[in-house]
Amino acid sequence: MGQRDCCDCDCDDCCNCSWTAIIIWVVVGIVLTVVLIVLILAFAVIKPPKATADDALLTRFSLAPSTNASTPQLQLLSYNATVTISLRNPNMYYGISYSDLATVFSFNGTKFDELGTVRAFDQGAKKTTAVRLTVGGVAKALPKLSAAGPAEFTKEKEAGTFQIEARLDGVMQYKGRSKKCPLVVICPLKLQLVDPDVAATAFQQTKCTILRAKTSGC
């Protein structure tokens, strides 16, 4: 007598065994696919860092014309600001090394503080590093402020919110890779001027823009 097809048998054990084997192989295939995707994401795909401004405080921001008779058109800025920027490495495998990061603060397209530096640091995979920036100045000349700058200052002062940009410039390098990549982090900030002796207003976390070289390895 020839061998009967499994599904034609009176007993269901043979058929159940076959379906069980099929299910096991399907599950194994799914698991292997997921593992392969994870490995590709971890080793083959390199993601740029992400950045957010998590906290910011503006306790002084005043603009006034120069009292020097020879330069009455020159505007003088007095300011105190503190900003905390978080840099996050989204990669599952690659760490990142950052060079010294130059800090720049601007108002109405004009730089008013660009002397600060964040010291170089290393960052592991899936890690976040908080960078705290504190700047201040008294009657600092703004020779490059546009003619519309004072009017914009008055407008924002009346609105109760100043539009300030914080920027980080430097070089980054993924661990295990030789390519060094220029990095620019730009954080637009909407800040209310607050009294330092009074509880500060809540700051809404702001997403920063990451600019990097569009070259292989970056």
C-alpha atoms as a PDB file:
ATOM      1  CA  MET A   1       0.000   0.000   0.000  1.00  0.00           C
ATOM      2  CA  GLY A   2       1.408   3.408  -0.995  1.00  0.00           C
ATOM      3  CA  GLN A   3       2.003   6.075   1.565  1.00  0.00           C
ATOM      4  CA  ARG A   4      -1.066   8.253   2.063  1.00  0.00           C
ATOM      5  CA  ASP A   5      -0.933  11.985   2.011  1.00  0.00           C
ATOM      6  CA  CYS A   6      -0.543  13.378   5.491  1.00  0.00           C
ATOM      7  CA  CYS A   7      -3.746  15.383   5.352  1.00  0.00           C
ATOM      8  CA  ASP A   8      -5.722  12.325   4.238  1.00  0.00           C
ATOM      9  CA  CYS A   9      -4.912  10.407   7.390  1.00  0.00           C
ATOM     10  CA  ASP A  10      -7.504   9.712  10.040  1.00  0.00           C
ATOM     11  CA  CYS A  11      -5.207  10.976  12.778  1.00  0.00           C
ATOM     12  CA  ASP A  12      -4.448  14.712  12.894  1.00  0.00           C
ATOM     13  CA  ASP A  13      -0.997  14.310  14.489  1.00  0.00           C
ATOM     14  CA  CYS A  14       0.860  14.270  11.158  1.00  0.00           C
ATOM     15  CA  CYS A  15      -0.936  17.366   9.841  1.00  0.00           C
ATOM     16  CA  ASN A  16      -0.495  19.239  13.125  1.00  0.00           C
ATOM     17  CA  CYS A  17       3.198  18.435  13.077  1.00  0.00           C
ATOM     18  CA  SER A  18       3.558  19.789   9.532  1.00  0.00           C
ATOM     19  CA  TRP A  19       1.743  23.025  10.334  1.00  0.00           C
ATOM     20  CA  THR A  20       3.831  23.431  13.491  1.00  0.00           C
ATOM     21  CA  ALA A  21       7.026  23.078  11.456  1.00  0.00           C
ATOM     22  CA  ILE A  22       5.783  25.674   8.939  1.00  0.00           C
ATOM     23  CA  ILE A  23       4.932  28.143  11.716  1.00  0.00           C
ATOM     24  CA  ILE A  24       8.336  27.641  13.339  1.00  0.00           C
ATOM     25  CA  TRP A  25      10.134  28.328  10.048  1.00  0.00           C
ATOM     26  CA  VAL A  26       8.020  31.429   9.435  1.00  0.00           C
ATOM     27  CA  VAL A  27       8.835  32.742  12.921  1.00  0.00           C
ATOM     28  CA  VAL A  28      12.530  31.986  12.415  1.00  0.00           C
ATOM     29  CA  GLY A  29      12.437  33.814   9.084  1.00  0.00           C
ATOM     30  CA  ILE A  30      10.790  36.868  10.687  1.00  0.00           C
ATOM     31  CA  VAL A  31      13.317  36.911  13.540  1.00  0.00           C
ATOM     32  CA  LEU A  32      16.257  36.652  11.125  1.00  0.00           C
ATOM     33  CA  THR A  33      14.822  39.470   9.013  1.00  0.00           C
ATOM     34  CA  VAL A  34      14.404  41.714  12.057  1.00  0.00           C
ATOM     35  CA  VAL A  35      17.956  40.930  13.203  1.00  0.00           C
ATOM     36  CA  LEU A  36      19.287  41.737   9.732  1.00  0.00           C
ATOM     37  CA  ILE A  37      17.424  45.061   9.656  1.00  0.00           C
ATOM     38  CA  VAL A  38      18.761  45.972  13.103  1.00  0.00           C
ATOM     39  CA  LEU A  39      22.321  45.137  12.033  1.00  0.00           C
ATOM     40  CA  ILE A  40      21.954  47.246   8.882  1.00  0.00           C
ATOM     41  CA  LEU A  41      20.634  50.185  10.899  1.00  0.00           C
ATOM     42  CA  ALA A  42      23.386  49.807  13.478  1.00  0.00           C
ATOM     43  CA  PHE A  43      26.385  49.380  11.191  1.00  0.00           C
ATOM     44  CA  ALA A  44      25.515  50.538   7.670  1.00  0.00           C
ATOM     45  CA  VAL A  45      23.258  53.553   8.268  1.00  0.00           C
ATOM     46  CA  ILE A  46      24.903  56.515  10.002  1.00  0.00           C
ATOM     47  CA  LYS A  47      22.588  59.217  11.289  1.00  0.00           C
ATOM     48  CA  PRO A  48      23.524  62.837  12.020  1.00  0.00           C
ATOM     49  CA  PRO A  49      23.163  64.101  15.589  1.00  0.00           C
ATOM     50  CA  LYS A  50      19.981  65.819  16.723  1.00  0.00           C
ATOM     51  CA  ALA A  51      19.785  68.955  18.828  1.00  0.00           C
ATOM     52  CA  THR A  52      17.237  70.830  20.923  1.00  0.00           C
ATOM     53  CA  ALA A  53      17.302  73.968  23.039  1.00  0.00           C
ATOM     54  CA  ASP A  54      15.917  72.650  26.311  1.00  0.00           C
ATOM     55  CA  ASP A  55      16.128  75.736  28.483  1.00  0.00           C
ATOM     56  CA  ALA A  56      16.891  79.427  28.027  1.00  0.00           C
ATOM     57  CA  LEU A  57      16.802  82.559  30.162  1.00  0.00           C
ATOM     58  CA  LEU A  58      17.141  86.208  29.149  1.00  0.00           C
ATOM     59  CA  THR A  59      17.617  88.580  32.097  1.00  0.00           C
ATOM     60  CA  ARG A  60      18.965  91.619  30.278  1.00  0.00           C
ATOM     61  CA  PHE A  61      18.526  92.858  26.723  1.00  0.00           C
ATOM     62  CA  SER A  62      18.631  96.590  26.049  1.00  0.00           C
ATOM     63  CA  LEU A  63      19.633  98.576  22.987  1.00  0.00           C
ATOM     64  CA  ALA A  64      20.605 102.232  23.048  1.00  0.00           C
ATOM     65  CA  PRO A  65      22.341 104.694  20.691  1.00  0.00           C
ATOM     66  CA  SER A  66      25.931 105.621  21.354  1.00  0.00           C
ATOM     67  CA  THR A  67      26.512 108.726  23.483  1.00  0.00           C
ATOM     68  CA  ASN A  68      29.676 109.460  21.532  1.00  0.00           C
ATOM     69  CA  ALA A  69      29.056 112.540  19.424  1.00  0.00           C
ATOM     70  CA  SER A  70      31.259 111.193  16.625  1.00  0.00           C
ATOM     71  CA  THR A  71      29.251 107.940  16.280  1.00  0.00           C
ATOM     72  CA  PRO A  72      25.620 108.769  17.125  1.00  0.00           C
ATOM     73  CA  GLN A  73      24.390 106.119  14.697  1.00  0.00           C
ATOM     74  CA  LEU A  74      26.193 103.316  16.543  1.00  0.00           C
ATOM     75  CA  GLN A  75      23.955 101.050  18.658  1.00  0.00           C
ATOM     76  CA  LEU A  76      25.064  99.614  22.002  1.00  0.00           C
ATOM     77  CA  LEU A  77      23.673  96.351  23.387  1.00  0.00           C
ATOM     78  CA  SER A  78      23.670  95.183  27.003  1.00  0.00           C
ATOM     79  CA  TYR A  79      22.644  91.565  27.578  1.00  0.00           C
ATOM     80  CA  ASN A  80      22.690  88.483  29.791  1.00  0.00           C
ATOM     81  CA  ALA A  81      21.461  85.131  28.521  1.00  0.00           C
ATOM     82  CA  THR A  82      21.783  81.456  29.380  1.00  0.00           C
ATOM     83  CA  VAL A  83      20.890  78.612  27.017  1.00  0.00           C
ATOM     84  CA  THR A  84      21.063  74.835  27.439  1.00  0.00           C
ATOM     85  CA  ILE A  85      21.403  72.878  24.195  1.00  0.00           C
ATOM     86  CA  SER A  86      21.197  69.075  24.103  1.00  0.00           C
ATOM     87  CA  LEU A  87      23.067  67.128  21.427  1.00  0.00           C
ATOM     88  CA  ARG A  88      21.793  63.568  20.957  1.00  0.00           C
ATOM     89  CA  ASN A  89      23.547  60.770  19.113  1.00  0.00           C
ATOM     90  CA  PRO A  90      20.796  58.604  17.526  1.00  0.00           C
ATOM     91  CA  ASN A  91      23.176  55.919  16.245  1.00  0.00           C
ATOM     92  CA  MET A  92      22.989  52.426  17.727  1.00  0.00           C
ATOM     93  CA  TYR A  93      26.689  51.630  17.268  1.00  0.00           C
ATOM     94  CA  TYR A  94      28.782  54.645  16.304  1.00  0.00           C
ATOM     95  CA  GLY A  95      29.988  57.120  18.906  1.00  0.00           C
ATOM     96  CA  ILE A  96      30.781  60.725  17.981  1.00  0.00           C
ATOM     97  CA  SER A  97      33.771  62.929  18.801  1.00  0.00           C
ATOM     98  CA  TYR A  98      33.202  66.687  18.763  1.00  0.00           C
ATOM     99  CA  SER A  99      35.944  69.267  18.366  1.00  0.00           C
ATOM    100  CA  ASP A 100      35.838  72.569  20.241  1.00  0.00           C
ATOM    101  CA  LEU A 101      32.549  74.245  19.325  1.00  0.00           C
ATOM    102  CA  ALA A 102      32.525  78.000  18.750  1.00  0.00           C
ATOM    103  CA  THR A 103      29.394  79.720  20.080  1.00  0.00           C
ATOM    104  CA  VAL A 104      27.664  82.619  18.332  1.00  0.00           C
ATOM    105  CA  PHE A 105      24.608  84.629  19.397  1.00  0.00           C
ATOM    106  CA  SER A 106      22.750  86.848  16.937  1.00  0.00           C
ATOM    107  CA  PHE A 107      19.870  89.306  16.886  1.00  0.00           C
ATOM    108  CA  ASN A 108      18.206  90.470  13.669  1.00  0.00           C
ATOM    109  CA  GLY A 109      20.953  88.781  11.656  1.00  0.00           C
ATOM    110  CA  THR A 110      23.722  90.574  13.566  1.00  0.00           C
ATOM    111  CA  LYS A 111      26.211  88.734  15.769  1.00  0.00           C
ATOM    112  CA  PHE A 112      26.483  90.256  19.229  1.00  0.00           C
ATOM    113  CA  ASP A 113      28.486  87.559  21.058  1.00  0.00           C
ATOM    114  CA  GLU A 114      30.950  85.170  19.408  1.00  0.00           C
ATOM    115  CA  LEU A 115      33.782  84.740  21.891  1.00  0.00           C
ATOM    116  CA  GLY A 116      32.603  81.610  23.709  1.00  0.00           C
ATOM    117  CA  THR A 117      33.782  78.041  23.135  1.00  0.00           C
ATOM    118  CA  VAL A 118      32.501  74.627  24.220  1.00  0.00           C
ATOM    119  CA  ARG A 119      35.401  72.283  24.930  1.00  0.00           C
ATOM    120  CA  ALA A 120      35.785  69.131  22.815  1.00  0.00           C
ATOM    121  CA  PHE A 121      33.996  66.018  24.067  1.00  0.00           C
ATOM    122  CA  ASP A 122      33.159  62.430  23.129  1.00  0.00           C
ATOM    123  CA  GLN A 123      29.656  61.001  22.985  1.00  0.00           C
ATOM    124  CA  GLY A 124      28.677  57.339  23.051  1.00  0.00           C
ATOM    125  CA  ALA A 125      26.023  55.700  20.900  1.00  0.00           C
ATOM    126  CA  LYS A 126      22.431  56.619  21.882  1.00  0.00           C
ATOM    127  CA  LYS A 127      23.757  59.192  24.375  1.00  0.00           C
ATOM    128  CA  THR A 128      22.729  62.804  24.986  1.00  0.00           C
ATOM    129  CA  THR A 129      25.049  65.622  26.067  1.00  0.00           C
ATOM    130  CA  ALA A 130      23.769  68.906  27.502  1.00  0.00           C
ATOM    131  CA  VAL A 131      25.797  72.021  26.682  1.00  0.00           C
ATOM    132  CA  ARG A 132      25.183  75.128  28.794  1.00  0.00           C
ATOM    133  CA  LEU A 133      25.999  78.523  27.270  1.00  0.00           C
ATOM    134  CA  THR A 134      26.138  81.731  29.317  1.00  0.00           C
ATOM    135  CA  VAL A 135      26.860  85.085  27.672  1.00  0.00           C
ATOM    136  CA  GLY A 136      26.815  88.696  28.809  1.00  0.00           C
ATOM    137  CA  GLY A 137      27.988  92.162  27.855  1.00  0.00           C
ATOM    138  CA  VAL A 138      27.518  95.814  28.732  1.00  0.00           C
ATOM    139  CA  ALA A 139      27.141  98.573  26.135  1.00  0.00           C
ATOM    140  CA  LYS A 140      28.661  96.404  23.426  1.00  0.00           C
ATOM    141  CA  ALA A 141      28.865  98.150  20.070  1.00  0.00           C
ATOM    142  CA  LEU A 142      26.972  96.639  17.136  1.00  0.00           C
ATOM    143  CA  PRO A 143      28.548  98.317  14.094  1.00  0.00           C
ATOM    144  CA  LYS A 144      26.985  95.807  11.701  1.00  0.00           C
ATOM    145  CA  LEU A 145      23.415  96.215  12.950  1.00  0.00           C
ATOM    146  CA  SER A 146      21.153  97.095  10.029  1.00  0.00           C
ATOM    147  CA  ALA A 147      19.303 100.395   9.859  1.00  0.00           C
ATOM    148  CA  ALA A 148      16.095  98.498  10.584  1.00  0.00           C
ATOM    149  CA  GLY A 149      17.638  96.832  13.655  1.00  0.00           C
ATOM    150  CA  PRO A 150      16.564  99.414  16.279  1.00  0.00           C
ATOM    151  CA  ALA A 151      13.004  99.427  14.931  1.00  0.00           C
ATOM    152  CA  GLU A 152      12.900  95.624  15.073  1.00  0.00           C
ATOM    153  CA  PHE A 153      14.227  95.728  18.634  1.00  0.00           C
ATOM    154  CA  THR A 154      11.465  98.156  19.653  1.00  0.00           C
ATOM    155  CA  LYS A 155       8.848  95.995  17.927  1.00  0.00           C
ATOM    156  CA  GLU A 156       9.966  92.824  19.713  1.00  0.00           C
ATOM    157  CA  LYS A 157      10.282  94.613  23.047  1.00  0.00           C
ATOM    158  CA  GLU A 158       6.673  95.796  22.776  1.00  0.00           C
ATOM    159  CA  ALA A 159       5.599  92.251  21.844  1.00  0.00           C
ATOM    160  CA  GLY A 160       7.385  90.939  24.922  1.00  0.00           C
ATOM    161  CA  THR A 161       9.449  88.343  23.035  1.00  0.00           C
ATOM    162  CA  PHE A 162      12.911  88.642  21.501  1.00  0.00           C
ATOM    163  CA  GLN A 163      14.009  86.512  18.556  1.00  0.00           C
ATOM    164  CA  ILE A 164      17.578  85.412  19.256  1.00  0.00           C
ATOM    165  CA  GLU A 165      19.660  82.792  17.481  1.00  0.00           C
ATOM    166  CA  ALA A 166      22.222  80.577  19.224  1.00  0.00           C
ATOM    167  CA  ARG A 167      24.710  78.769  17.016  1.00  0.00           C
ATOM    168  CA  LEU A 168      27.466  76.182  17.479  1.00  0.00           C
ATOM    169  CA  ASP A 169      30.207  75.689  14.869  1.00  0.00           C
ATOM    170  CA  GLY A 170      32.789  72.909  14.884  1.00  0.00           C
ATOM    171  CA  VAL A 171      33.855  69.542  13.522  1.00  0.00           C
ATOM    172  CA  MET A 172      32.533  66.062  14.333  1.00  0.00           C
ATOM    173  CA  GLN A 173      33.867  62.587  13.631  1.00  0.00           C
ATOM    174  CA  TYR A 174      32.166  59.209  13.918  1.00  0.00           C
ATOM    175  CA  LYS A 175      34.174  56.709  15.970  1.00  0.00           C
ATOM    176  CA  GLY A 176      35.916  54.194  13.733  1.00  0.00           C
ATOM    177  CA  ARG A 177      35.784  56.538  10.715  1.00  0.00           C
ATOM    178  CA  SER A 178      38.550  58.798   9.470  1.00  0.00           C
ATOM    179  CA  LYS A 179      36.323  61.452   7.889  1.00  0.00           C
ATOM    180  CA  LYS A 180      36.036  64.723   9.815  1.00  0.00           C
ATOM    181  CA  CYS A 181      32.764  66.516   9.160  1.00  0.00           C
ATOM    182  CA  PRO A 182      31.976  70.234   9.581  1.00  0.00           C
ATOM    183  CA  LEU A 183      29.028  70.734  11.926  1.00  0.00           C
ATOM    184  CA  VAL A 184      26.716  73.698  12.475  1.00  0.00           C
ATOM    185  CA  VAL A 185      23.897  73.734  15.051  1.00  0.00           C
ATOM    186  CA  ILE A 186      21.382  76.591  14.758  1.00  0.00           C
ATOM    187  CA  CYS A 187      18.811  77.151  17.505  1.00  0.00           C
ATOM    188  CA  PRO A 188      16.153  79.863  17.020  1.00  0.00           C
ATOM    189  CA  LEU A 189      15.033  81.119  20.429  1.00  0.00           C
ATOM    190  CA  LYS A 190      11.954  83.066  21.453  1.00  0.00           C
ATOM    191  CA  LEU A 191      12.833  84.629  24.785  1.00  0.00           C
ATOM    192  CA  GLN A 192      10.947  86.794  27.231  1.00  0.00           C
ATOM    193  CA  LEU A 193      12.948  89.303  29.219  1.00  0.00           C
ATOM    194  CA  VAL A 194      12.605  88.340  32.887  1.00  0.00           C
ATOM    195  CA  ASP A 195      13.702  89.772  36.209  1.00  0.00           C
ATOM    196  CA  PRO A 196      16.446  87.483  37.615  1.00  0.00           C
ATOM    197  CA  ASP A 197      14.979  87.923  41.118  1.00  0.00           C
ATOM    198  CA  VAL A 198      11.570  86.695  39.966  1.00  0.00           C
ATOM    199  CA  ALA A 199      10.644  83.155  38.944  1.00  0.00           C
ATOM    200  CA  ALA A 200      11.437  82.710  35.261  1.00  0.00           C
ATOM    201  CA  THR A 201       8.751  81.970  32.709  1.00  0.00           C
ATOM    202  CA  ALA A 202       8.612  78.452  31.320  1.00  0.00           C
ATOM    203  CA  PHE A 203      10.679  77.886  28.184  1.00  0.00           C
ATOM    204  CA  GLN A 204       9.270  75.657  25.473  1.00  0.00           C
ATOM    205  CA  GLN A 205      11.772  73.152  24.120  1.00  0.00           C
ATOM    206  CA  THR A 206      12.850  74.172  20.626  1.00  0.00           C
ATOM    207  CA  LYS A 207      14.172  71.953  17.843  1.00  0.00           C
ATOM    208  CA  CYS A 208      17.515  73.076  16.423  1.00  0.00           C
ATOM    209  CA  THR A 209      18.694  72.712  12.834  1.00  0.00           C
ATOM    210  CA  ILE A 210      21.760  70.582  12.086  1.00  0.00           C
ATOM    211  CA  LEU A 211      23.832  71.576   9.042  1.00  0.00           C
ATOM    212  CA  ARG A 212      26.546  69.168   7.918  1.00  0.00           C
ATOM    213  CA  ALA A 213      28.629  68.527   4.818  1.00  0.00           C
ATOM    214  CA  LYS A 214      26.836  66.453   2.190  1.00  0.00           C
ATOM    215  CA  THR A 215      29.833  64.216   1.531  1.00  0.00           C
ATOM    216  CA  SER A 216      30.459  60.496   1.965  1.00  0.00           C
ATOM    217  CA  GLY A 217      31.048  59.613   5.606  1.00  0.00           C
ATOM    218  CA  CYS A 218      29.282  62.696   6.944  1.00  0.00           C
END
